[in-house]
Amino acid sequence: MDLVFEIKKKKEFRNLDDSFVEDALRKIAKENQLDISKDEEIIVKKTRAFLREVYGAFLSKNFDKRDKLLSSLAGLNDLEGHRKILKLHISTAERIPYYNQVYASIFAITGNPGSILDIASGLNPLSYPFMNIQAKYFAYELSKDDALFLQKYFDKMRISGETLFGDITKSEEMDKLPQADICFLFKAIDTLESIRWNVTAELLSKLKCKWIVASFPLRTLGKGKLISEKRLSWFLKLINGMKYERIVIGDEVFFVLRKA
């Protein structure tokens, strides 16, 4: 059985690169002491559960309509068209009512950035019209297909944007990241830690940005149960010694960190 092919039969995983799915297979097999050649069925099941946690759970059932919606997008002033696309990803959908407030609050601290690096960006780059700035935009995504979609958006809207893709939990991928005034890690760190434990410390140290904005959800996915901020004690310990401001908007807490 081709396990990568089997896993990607599920619609929610089709955009993922084969290399990432293969890495996930090996991770699951190792953690559960399973034999890839003998325990195929259980490995496929457990790998799908893992990929759903770090990727598939964030996609709406209409995610595959993004290209059609992009083709009908009239321009940067078409805010309703942007909202329709932002709704296709659960993280950005939850942020839609607050985007103006989010960026106004962040930029009041950092000043307007000339360049942005958005890691594990999802569809967040399509919130660009709500920023009310002009900036070079670097979007880093897990899969090539998702990165290509974002590049099509940048090109169509004539935004100075560049997309990159890969597994950012790998040290060699971190080393390739461009320099920027500000880095967004919106609801990204929990996912990155699921892929590779304790990766955040290395990533924060390697980012070539003046400011880092890391956010965490205060409710479970889809506006579910409240999540206590006590779970972030490890992160607060990690950033101890850095200058930062904490902002709560909607069901999301933002840490605006000064790095340089």
C-alpha atoms as a PDB file:
ATOM      1  CA  MET A   1       0.000   0.000   0.000  1.00  0.00           C
ATOM      2  CA  ASP A   2       1.257   3.495  -0.853  1.00  0.00           C
ATOM      3  CA  LEU A   3       0.566   5.078   2.545  1.00  0.00           C
ATOM      4  CA  VAL A   4       1.050   8.671   1.401  1.00  0.00           C
ATOM      5  CA  PHE A   5      -1.422   8.138  -1.448  1.00  0.00           C
ATOM      6  CA  GLU A   6      -3.859   6.433   0.941  1.00  0.00           C
ATOM      7  CA  ILE A   7      -3.751   9.300   3.430  1.00  0.00           C
ATOM      8  CA  LYS A   8      -4.209  11.925   0.728  1.00  0.00           C
ATOM      9  CA  LYS A   9      -7.371  10.251  -0.539  1.00  0.00           C
ATOM     10  CA  LYS A  10      -9.062  12.368   2.121  1.00  0.00           C
ATOM     11  CA  LYS A  11     -10.043  15.705   0.606  1.00  0.00           C
ATOM     12  CA  GLU A  12      -8.722  17.738   3.556  1.00  0.00           C
ATOM     13  CA  PHE A  13      -5.141  16.507   2.995  1.00  0.00           C
ATOM     14  CA  ARG A  14      -4.867  16.783  -0.801  1.00  0.00           C
ATOM     15  CA  ASN A  15      -3.053  20.130  -0.686  1.00  0.00           C
ATOM     16  CA  LEU A  16      -0.296  18.787   1.563  1.00  0.00           C
ATOM     17  CA  ASP A  17       3.062  17.993  -0.005  1.00  0.00           C
ATOM     18  CA  ASP A  18       3.999  14.314  -0.131  1.00  0.00           C
ATOM     19  CA  SER A  19       7.238  14.987   1.761  1.00  0.00           C
ATOM     20  CA  PHE A  20       5.396  16.427   4.763  1.00  0.00           C
ATOM     21  CA  VAL A  21       2.917  13.528   4.828  1.00  0.00           C
ATOM     22  CA  GLU A  22       5.815  11.072   4.670  1.00  0.00           C
ATOM     23  CA  ASP A  23       7.559  12.862   7.555  1.00  0.00           C
ATOM     24  CA  ALA A  24       4.315  12.664   9.531  1.00  0.00           C
ATOM     25  CA  LEU A  25       4.058   8.928   8.845  1.00  0.00           C
ATOM     26  CA  ARG A  26       7.539   8.340  10.183  1.00  0.00           C
ATOM     27  CA  LYS A  27       6.896  10.538  13.224  1.00  0.00           C
ATOM     28  CA  ILE A  28       3.716   8.620  14.103  1.00  0.00           C
ATOM     29  CA  ALA A  29       5.356   5.242  13.548  1.00  0.00           C
ATOM     30  CA  LYS A  30       8.293   6.152  15.785  1.00  0.00           C
ATOM     31  CA  GLU A  31       6.183   7.664  18.580  1.00  0.00           C
ATOM     32  CA  ASN A  32       3.843   4.654  18.639  1.00  0.00           C
ATOM     33  CA  GLN A  33       6.524   2.012  18.007  1.00  0.00           C
ATOM     34  CA  LEU A  34       4.789   0.833  14.855  1.00  0.00           C
ATOM     35  CA  ASP A  35       6.220  -0.909  11.802  1.00  0.00           C
ATOM     36  CA  ILE A  36       5.412   1.005   8.593  1.00  0.00           C
ATOM     37  CA  SER A  37       5.477  -2.203   6.554  1.00  0.00           C
ATOM     38  CA  LYS A  38       3.255  -4.193   8.927  1.00  0.00           C
ATOM     39  CA  ASP A  39       0.968  -1.765  10.786  1.00  0.00           C
ATOM     40  CA  GLU A  40      -0.331   0.110   7.762  1.00  0.00           C
ATOM     41  CA  GLU A  41      -3.978   0.518   8.784  1.00  0.00           C
ATOM     42  CA  ILE A  42      -3.313   1.932  12.254  1.00  0.00           C
ATOM     43  CA  ILE A  43      -0.501   4.167  10.986  1.00  0.00           C
ATOM     44  CA  VAL A  44      -2.798   5.641   8.320  1.00  0.00           C
ATOM     45  CA  LYS A  45      -5.495   6.258  10.926  1.00  0.00           C
ATOM     46  CA  LYS A  46      -3.148   7.874  13.442  1.00  0.00           C
ATOM     47  CA  THR A  47      -1.353   9.946  10.802  1.00  0.00           C
ATOM     48  CA  ARG A  48      -4.636  11.285   9.493  1.00  0.00           C
ATOM     49  CA  ALA A  49      -5.613  12.257  13.043  1.00  0.00           C
ATOM     50  CA  PHE A  50      -2.315  14.103  13.447  1.00  0.00           C
ATOM     51  CA  LEU A  51      -2.621  15.887  10.076  1.00  0.00           C
ATOM     52  CA  ARG A  52      -6.169  16.885  10.939  1.00  0.00           C
ATOM     53  CA  GLU A  53      -4.891  18.448  14.174  1.00  0.00           C
ATOM     54  CA  VAL A  54      -2.164  20.503  12.490  1.00  0.00           C
ATOM     55  CA  TYR A  55      -3.861  21.269   9.156  1.00  0.00           C
ATOM     56  CA  GLY A  56      -7.223  19.803   8.186  1.00  0.00           C
ATOM     57  CA  ALA A  57      -9.194  21.006  11.208  1.00  0.00           C
ATOM     58  CA  PHE A  58      -8.667  24.635  10.181  1.00  0.00           C
ATOM     59  CA  LEU A  59     -10.281  24.276   6.751  1.00  0.00           C
ATOM     60  CA  SER A  60     -13.964  24.904   6.187  1.00  0.00           C
ATOM     61  CA  LYS A  61     -15.967  22.460   4.076  1.00  0.00           C
ATOM     62  CA  ASN A  62     -15.960  25.036   1.255  1.00  0.00           C
ATOM     63  CA  PHE A  63     -12.187  25.589   1.257  1.00  0.00           C
ATOM     64  CA  ASP A  64     -11.917  24.282  -2.314  1.00  0.00           C
ATOM     65  CA  LYS A  65     -13.977  27.270  -3.496  1.00  0.00           C
ATOM     66  CA  ARG A  66     -11.123  29.685  -2.781  1.00  0.00           C
ATOM     67  CA  ASP A  67      -9.959  29.897  -6.408  1.00  0.00           C
ATOM     68  CA  LYS A  68     -13.448  30.662  -7.653  1.00  0.00           C
ATOM     69  CA  LEU A  69     -13.870  33.364  -5.019  1.00  0.00           C
ATOM     70  CA  LEU A  70     -10.456  34.813  -5.847  1.00  0.00           C
ATOM     71  CA  SER A  71     -11.335  35.026  -9.534  1.00  0.00           C
ATOM     72  CA  SER A  72     -14.358  37.160  -8.681  1.00  0.00           C
ATOM     73  CA  LEU A  73     -12.487  39.444  -6.271  1.00  0.00           C
ATOM     74  CA  ALA A  74     -12.829  42.984  -7.639  1.00  0.00           C
ATOM     75  CA  GLY A  75      -9.827  44.567  -5.899  1.00  0.00           C
ATOM     76  CA  LEU A  76      -8.428  45.634  -2.541  1.00  0.00           C
ATOM     77  CA  ASN A  77     -11.522  47.734  -1.907  1.00  0.00           C
ATOM     78  CA  ASP A  78     -13.742  44.668  -2.279  1.00  0.00           C
ATOM     79  CA  LEU A  79     -13.840  44.009   1.466  1.00  0.00           C
ATOM     80  CA  GLU A  80     -16.860  41.729   1.295  1.00  0.00           C
ATOM     81  CA  GLY A  81     -15.119  39.582  -1.313  1.00  0.00           C
ATOM     82  CA  HIS A  82     -12.099  39.349   0.981  1.00  0.00           C
ATOM     83  CA  ARG A  83     -14.296  38.345   3.905  1.00  0.00           C
ATOM     84  CA  LYS A  84     -15.827  35.515   1.858  1.00  0.00           C
ATOM     85  CA  ILE A  85     -12.387  34.016   1.303  1.00  0.00           C
ATOM     86  CA  LEU A  86     -11.232  34.631   4.884  1.00  0.00           C
ATOM     87  CA  LYS A  87     -14.255  32.633   6.078  1.00  0.00           C
ATOM     88  CA  LEU A  88     -12.861  29.512   4.397  1.00  0.00           C
ATOM     89  CA  HIS A  89     -10.184  29.127   7.084  1.00  0.00           C
ATOM     90  CA  ILE A  90     -11.446  28.817  10.654  1.00  0.00           C
ATOM     91  CA  SER A  91      -8.685  30.905  12.238  1.00  0.00           C
ATOM     92  CA  THR A  92      -9.219  33.858   9.930  1.00  0.00           C
ATOM     93  CA  ALA A  93     -12.993  33.438  10.021  1.00  0.00           C
ATOM     94  CA  GLU A  94     -12.946  33.924  13.794  1.00  0.00           C
ATOM     95  CA  ARG A  95     -10.849  37.073  13.389  1.00  0.00           C
ATOM     96  CA  ILE A  96     -13.018  38.769  10.722  1.00  0.00           C
ATOM     97  CA  PRO A  97     -15.047  40.981  13.114  1.00  0.00           C
ATOM     98  CA  TYR A  98     -11.867  42.245  14.745  1.00  0.00           C
ATOM     99  CA  TYR A  99      -9.309  42.660  11.959  1.00  0.00           C
ATOM    100  CA  ASN A 100      -9.350  46.470  11.949  1.00  0.00           C
ATOM    101  CA  GLN A 101      -8.936  46.521  15.723  1.00  0.00           C
ATOM    102  CA  VAL A 102      -6.216  43.858  15.658  1.00  0.00           C
ATOM    103  CA  TYR A 103      -3.989  45.733  13.244  1.00  0.00           C
ATOM    104  CA  ALA A 104      -4.689  49.173  14.714  1.00  0.00           C
ATOM    105  CA  SER A 105      -3.696  47.864  18.157  1.00  0.00           C
ATOM    106  CA  ILE A 106      -0.555  46.104  16.922  1.00  0.00           C
ATOM    107  CA  PHE A 107       0.690  48.951  14.738  1.00  0.00           C
ATOM    108  CA  ALA A 108       0.031  51.470  17.536  1.00  0.00           C
ATOM    109  CA  ILE A 109       2.840  49.644  19.353  1.00  0.00           C
ATOM    110  CA  THR A 110       5.161  48.745  16.475  1.00  0.00           C
ATOM    111  CA  GLY A 111       4.517  51.560  14.053  1.00  0.00           C
ATOM    112  CA  ASN A 112       3.503  50.812  10.467  1.00  0.00           C
ATOM    113  CA  PRO A 113       5.805  48.092   9.106  1.00  0.00           C
ATOM    114  CA  GLY A 114       7.445  48.340   5.713  1.00  0.00           C
ATOM    115  CA  SER A 115       7.698  44.553   5.502  1.00  0.00           C
ATOM    116  CA  ILE A 116       5.771  41.627   7.004  1.00  0.00           C
ATOM    117  CA  LEU A 117       6.660  37.969   7.443  1.00  0.00           C
ATOM    118  CA  ASP A 118       3.563  35.836   8.068  1.00  0.00           C
ATOM    119  CA  ILE A 119       4.448  32.290   9.208  1.00  0.00           C
ATOM    120  CA  ALA A 120       1.893  29.478   8.948  1.00  0.00           C
ATOM    121  CA  SER A 121      -0.182  32.212   7.384  1.00  0.00           C
ATOM    122  CA  GLY A 122      -3.217  30.265   6.237  1.00  0.00           C
ATOM    123  CA  LEU A 123      -5.446  32.827   4.550  1.00  0.00           C
ATOM    124  CA  ASN A 124      -4.345  35.698   6.789  1.00  0.00           C
ATOM    125  CA  PRO A 125      -2.562  37.551   3.936  1.00  0.00           C
ATOM    126  CA  LEU A 126      -6.037  38.251   2.541  1.00  0.00           C
ATOM    127  CA  SER A 127      -6.595  40.510   5.541  1.00  0.00           C
ATOM    128  CA  TYR A 128      -4.143  42.955   3.930  1.00  0.00           C
ATOM    129  CA  PRO A 129      -6.867  45.522   3.072  1.00  0.00           C
ATOM    130  CA  PHE A 130      -7.727  45.773   6.783  1.00  0.00           C
ATOM    131  CA  MET A 131      -4.166  46.792   7.679  1.00  0.00           C
ATOM    132  CA  ASN A 132      -4.446  50.197   5.977  1.00  0.00           C
ATOM    133  CA  ILE A 133      -0.732  50.206   5.118  1.00  0.00           C
ATOM    134  CA  GLN A 134       1.543  49.474   2.178  1.00  0.00           C
ATOM    135  CA  ALA A 135       4.130  46.818   2.932  1.00  0.00           C
ATOM    136  CA  LYS A 136       6.188  44.080   1.337  1.00  0.00           C
ATOM    137  CA  TYR A 137       4.498  40.813   2.357  1.00  0.00           C
ATOM    138  CA  PHE A 138       6.255  37.465   2.806  1.00  0.00           C
ATOM    139  CA  ALA A 139       3.845  34.566   3.429  1.00  0.00           C
ATOM    140  CA  TYR A 140       5.204  31.226   4.600  1.00  0.00           C
ATOM    141  CA  GLU A 141       2.950  28.201   4.185  1.00  0.00           C
ATOM    142  CA  LEU A 142       3.245  24.476   4.753  1.00  0.00           C
ATOM    143  CA  SER A 143       2.152  23.337   1.298  1.00  0.00           C
ATOM    144  CA  LYS A 144       3.103  24.399  -2.213  1.00  0.00           C
ATOM    145  CA  ASP A 145      -0.547  24.531  -3.324  1.00  0.00           C
ATOM    146  CA  ASP A 146      -1.477  26.931  -0.531  1.00  0.00           C
ATOM    147  CA  ALA A 147       1.559  29.102  -1.257  1.00  0.00           C
ATOM    148  CA  LEU A 148       0.655  29.244  -4.968  1.00  0.00           C
ATOM    149  CA  PHE A 149      -2.860  30.396  -4.088  1.00  0.00           C
ATOM    150  CA  LEU A 150      -1.475  33.235  -1.962  1.00  0.00           C
ATOM    151  CA  GLN A 151       0.900  34.233  -4.762  1.00  0.00           C
ATOM    152  CA  LYS A 152      -2.041  34.410  -7.168  1.00  0.00           C
ATOM    153  CA  TYR A 153      -3.758  36.724  -4.694  1.00  0.00           C
ATOM    154  CA  PHE A 154      -0.701  38.981  -4.362  1.00  0.00           C
ATOM    155  CA  ASP A 155      -0.293  39.147  -8.123  1.00  0.00           C
ATOM    156  CA  LYS A 156      -3.946  39.876  -8.799  1.00  0.00           C
ATOM    157  CA  MET A 157      -4.112  42.604  -6.139  1.00  0.00           C
ATOM    158  CA  ARG A 158      -0.718  43.999  -7.237  1.00  0.00           C
ATOM    159  CA  ILE A 159       0.640  43.611  -3.716  1.00  0.00           C
ATOM    160  CA  SER A 160       4.408  43.394  -3.357  1.00  0.00           C
ATOM    161  CA  GLY A 161       4.209  39.844  -2.045  1.00  0.00           C
ATOM    162  CA  GLU A 162       6.293  36.699  -2.067  1.00  0.00           C
ATOM    163  CA  THR A 163       5.328  33.214  -0.909  1.00  0.00           C
ATOM    164  CA  LEU A 164       7.517  30.491   0.533  1.00  0.00           C
ATOM    165  CA  PHE A 165       6.596  26.982   1.583  1.00  0.00           C
ATOM    166  CA  GLY A 166       7.963  24.111   3.613  1.00  0.00           C
ATOM    167  CA  ASP A 167       8.079  22.681   7.117  1.00  0.00           C
ATOM    168  CA  ILE A 168       9.156  25.661   9.219  1.00  0.00           C
ATOM    169  CA  THR A 169       9.867  23.393  12.198  1.00  0.00           C
ATOM    170  CA  LYS A 170      13.036  22.268  10.381  1.00  0.00           C
ATOM    171  CA  SER A 171      16.136  24.285  11.226  1.00  0.00           C
ATOM    172  CA  GLU A 172      17.238  24.538   7.601  1.00  0.00           C
ATOM    173  CA  GLU A 173      13.886  26.111   6.670  1.00  0.00           C
ATOM    174  CA  MET A 174      14.181  28.689   9.461  1.00  0.00           C
ATOM    175  CA  ASP A 175      17.574  29.693   8.102  1.00  0.00           C
ATOM    176  CA  LYS A 176      15.965  30.591   4.756  1.00  0.00           C
ATOM    177  CA  LEU A 177      13.463  33.067   6.218  1.00  0.00           C
ATOM    178  CA  PRO A 178      13.744  36.640   4.951  1.00  0.00           C
ATOM    179  CA  GLN A 179      14.316  39.686   7.102  1.00  0.00           C
ATOM    180  CA  ALA A 180      11.223  41.776   7.873  1.00  0.00           C
ATOM    181  CA  ASP A 181      10.070  44.572  10.151  1.00  0.00           C
ATOM    182  CA  ILE A 182       7.428  42.400  11.784  1.00  0.00           C
ATOM    183  CA  CYS A 183       6.612  38.697  11.957  1.00  0.00           C
ATOM    184  CA  PHE A 184       3.101  37.337  12.492  1.00  0.00           C
ATOM    185  CA  LEU A 185       2.703  34.011  14.269  1.00  0.00           C
ATOM    186  CA  PHE A 186      -1.090  34.086  14.526  1.00  0.00           C
ATOM    187  CA  LYS A 187      -2.400  30.936  16.258  1.00  0.00           C
ATOM    188  CA  ALA A 188       0.639  29.166  14.835  1.00  0.00           C
ATOM    189  CA  ILE A 189       2.770  28.178  17.796  1.00  0.00           C
ATOM    190  CA  ASP A 190       0.471  25.451  19.166  1.00  0.00           C
ATOM    191  CA  THR A 191       0.502  23.768  15.757  1.00  0.00           C
ATOM    192  CA  LEU A 192       4.266  24.076  15.342  1.00  0.00           C
ATOM    193  CA  GLU A 193       4.801  22.578  18.788  1.00  0.00           C
ATOM    194  CA  SER A 194       2.592  19.626  17.796  1.00  0.00           C
ATOM    195  CA  ILE A 195       4.856  18.969  14.819  1.00  0.00           C
ATOM    196  CA  ARG A 196       8.099  19.402  16.759  1.00  0.00           C
ATOM    197  CA  TRP A 197       8.181  19.882  20.520  1.00  0.00           C
ATOM    198  CA  ASN A 198      10.146  22.892  21.812  1.00  0.00           C
ATOM    199  CA  VAL A 199      10.583  24.359  18.341  1.00  0.00           C
ATOM    200  CA  THR A 200       9.422  27.839  19.391  1.00  0.00           C
ATOM    201  CA  ALA A 201      12.633  28.769  21.190  1.00  0.00           C
ATOM    202  CA  GLU A 202      14.743  28.098  18.104  1.00  0.00           C
ATOM    203  CA  LEU A 203      12.303  29.865  15.782  1.00  0.00           C
ATOM    204  CA  LEU A 204      12.110  33.028  17.902  1.00  0.00           C
ATOM    205  CA  SER A 205      15.894  33.163  18.137  1.00  0.00           C
ATOM    206  CA  LYS A 206      16.328  32.819  14.360  1.00  0.00           C
ATOM    207  CA  LEU A 207      13.704  35.310  13.210  1.00  0.00           C
ATOM    208  CA  LYS A 208      15.325  38.361  11.616  1.00  0.00           C
ATOM    209  CA  CYS A 209      12.534  40.759  12.585  1.00  0.00           C
ATOM    210  CA  LYS A 210      12.293  43.840  14.770  1.00  0.00           C
ATOM    211  CA  TRP A 211       8.910  42.765  16.125  1.00  0.00           C
ATOM    212  CA  ILE A 212       7.191  39.408  16.599  1.00  0.00           C
ATOM    213  CA  VAL A 213       3.446  39.094  17.168  1.00  0.00           C
ATOM    214  CA  ALA A 214       2.451  35.683  18.511  1.00  0.00           C
ATOM    215  CA  SER A 215      -1.179  34.888  19.224  1.00  0.00           C
ATOM    216  CA  PHE A 216      -3.035  32.059  20.905  1.00  0.00           C
ATOM    217  CA  PRO A 217      -6.726  31.123  20.934  1.00  0.00           C
ATOM    218  CA  LEU A 218      -8.730  31.579  24.112  1.00  0.00           C
ATOM    219  CA  ARG A 219     -11.371  29.089  22.967  1.00  0.00           C
ATOM    220  CA  THR A 220     -11.161  25.689  21.341  1.00  0.00           C
ATOM    221  CA  LEU A 221     -11.530  25.581  17.568  1.00  0.00           C
ATOM    222  CA  GLY A 222     -14.776  26.958  16.222  1.00  0.00           C
ATOM    223  CA  LYS A 223     -15.554  29.177  19.261  1.00  0.00           C
ATOM    224  CA  GLY A 224     -15.847  26.193  21.579  1.00  0.00           C
ATOM    225  CA  LYS A 225     -14.871  25.923  25.232  1.00  0.00           C
ATOM    226  CA  LEU A 226     -12.796  28.564  26.978  1.00  0.00           C
ATOM    227  CA  ILE A 227      -9.079  27.803  27.273  1.00  0.00           C
ATOM    228  CA  SER A 228      -7.235  28.992  30.366  1.00  0.00           C
ATOM    229  CA  GLU A 229      -4.228  31.221  29.778  1.00  0.00           C
ATOM    230  CA  LYS A 230      -2.431  29.178  32.446  1.00  0.00           C
ATOM    231  CA  ARG A 231      -1.455  26.798  29.643  1.00  0.00           C
ATOM    232  CA  LEU A 232       0.775  29.573  28.275  1.00  0.00           C
ATOM    233  CA  SER A 233       3.061  29.593  31.322  1.00  0.00           C
ATOM    234  CA  TRP A 234       5.746  27.845  29.240  1.00  0.00           C
ATOM    235  CA  PHE A 235       5.566  30.594  26.615  1.00  0.00           C
ATOM    236  CA  LEU A 236       5.702  33.376  29.207  1.00  0.00           C
ATOM    237  CA  LYS A 237       8.783  31.722  30.679  1.00  0.00           C
ATOM    238  CA  LEU A 238      10.310  31.539  27.200  1.00  0.00           C
ATOM    239  CA  ILE A 239       9.837  35.241  26.515  1.00  0.00           C
ATOM    240  CA  ASN A 240      10.855  36.312  30.003  1.00  0.00           C
ATOM    241  CA  GLY A 241      13.414  39.064  29.575  1.00  0.00           C
ATOM    242  CA  MET A 242      11.935  40.285  26.284  1.00  0.00           C
ATOM    243  CA  LYS A 243       9.953  43.488  26.148  1.00  0.00           C
ATOM    244  CA  TYR A 244       6.376  42.760  25.168  1.00  0.00           C
ATOM    245  CA  GLU A 245       2.801  43.952  25.418  1.00  0.00           C
ATOM    246  CA  ARG A 246      -0.225  41.690  25.768  1.00  0.00           C
ATOM    247  CA  ILE A 247      -3.481  42.432  23.924  1.00  0.00           C
ATOM    248  CA  VAL A 248      -6.763  40.499  24.099  1.00  0.00           C
ATOM    249  CA  ILE A 249      -9.155  40.965  21.174  1.00  0.00           C
ATOM    250  CA  GLY A 250     -12.124  38.659  20.724  1.00  0.00           C
ATOM    251  CA  ASP A 251     -11.151  35.106  21.656  1.00  0.00           C
ATOM    252  CA  GLU A 252      -7.469  35.637  20.925  1.00  0.00           C
ATOM    253  CA  VAL A 253      -4.522  36.863  23.006  1.00  0.00           C
ATOM    254  CA  PHE A 254      -1.666  38.619  21.188  1.00  0.00           C
ATOM    255  CA  PHE A 255       1.863  39.051  22.484  1.00  0.00           C
ATOM    256  CA  VAL A 256       3.687  41.907  20.737  1.00  0.00           C
ATOM    257  CA  LEU A 257       7.375  41.191  21.290  1.00  0.00           C
ATOM    258  CA  ARG A 258      10.210  43.643  20.677  1.00  0.00           C
ATOM    259  CA  LYS A 259      13.210  41.722  19.377  1.00  0.00           C
ATOM    260  CA  ALA A 260      15.588  44.440  18.215  1.00  0.00           C
END
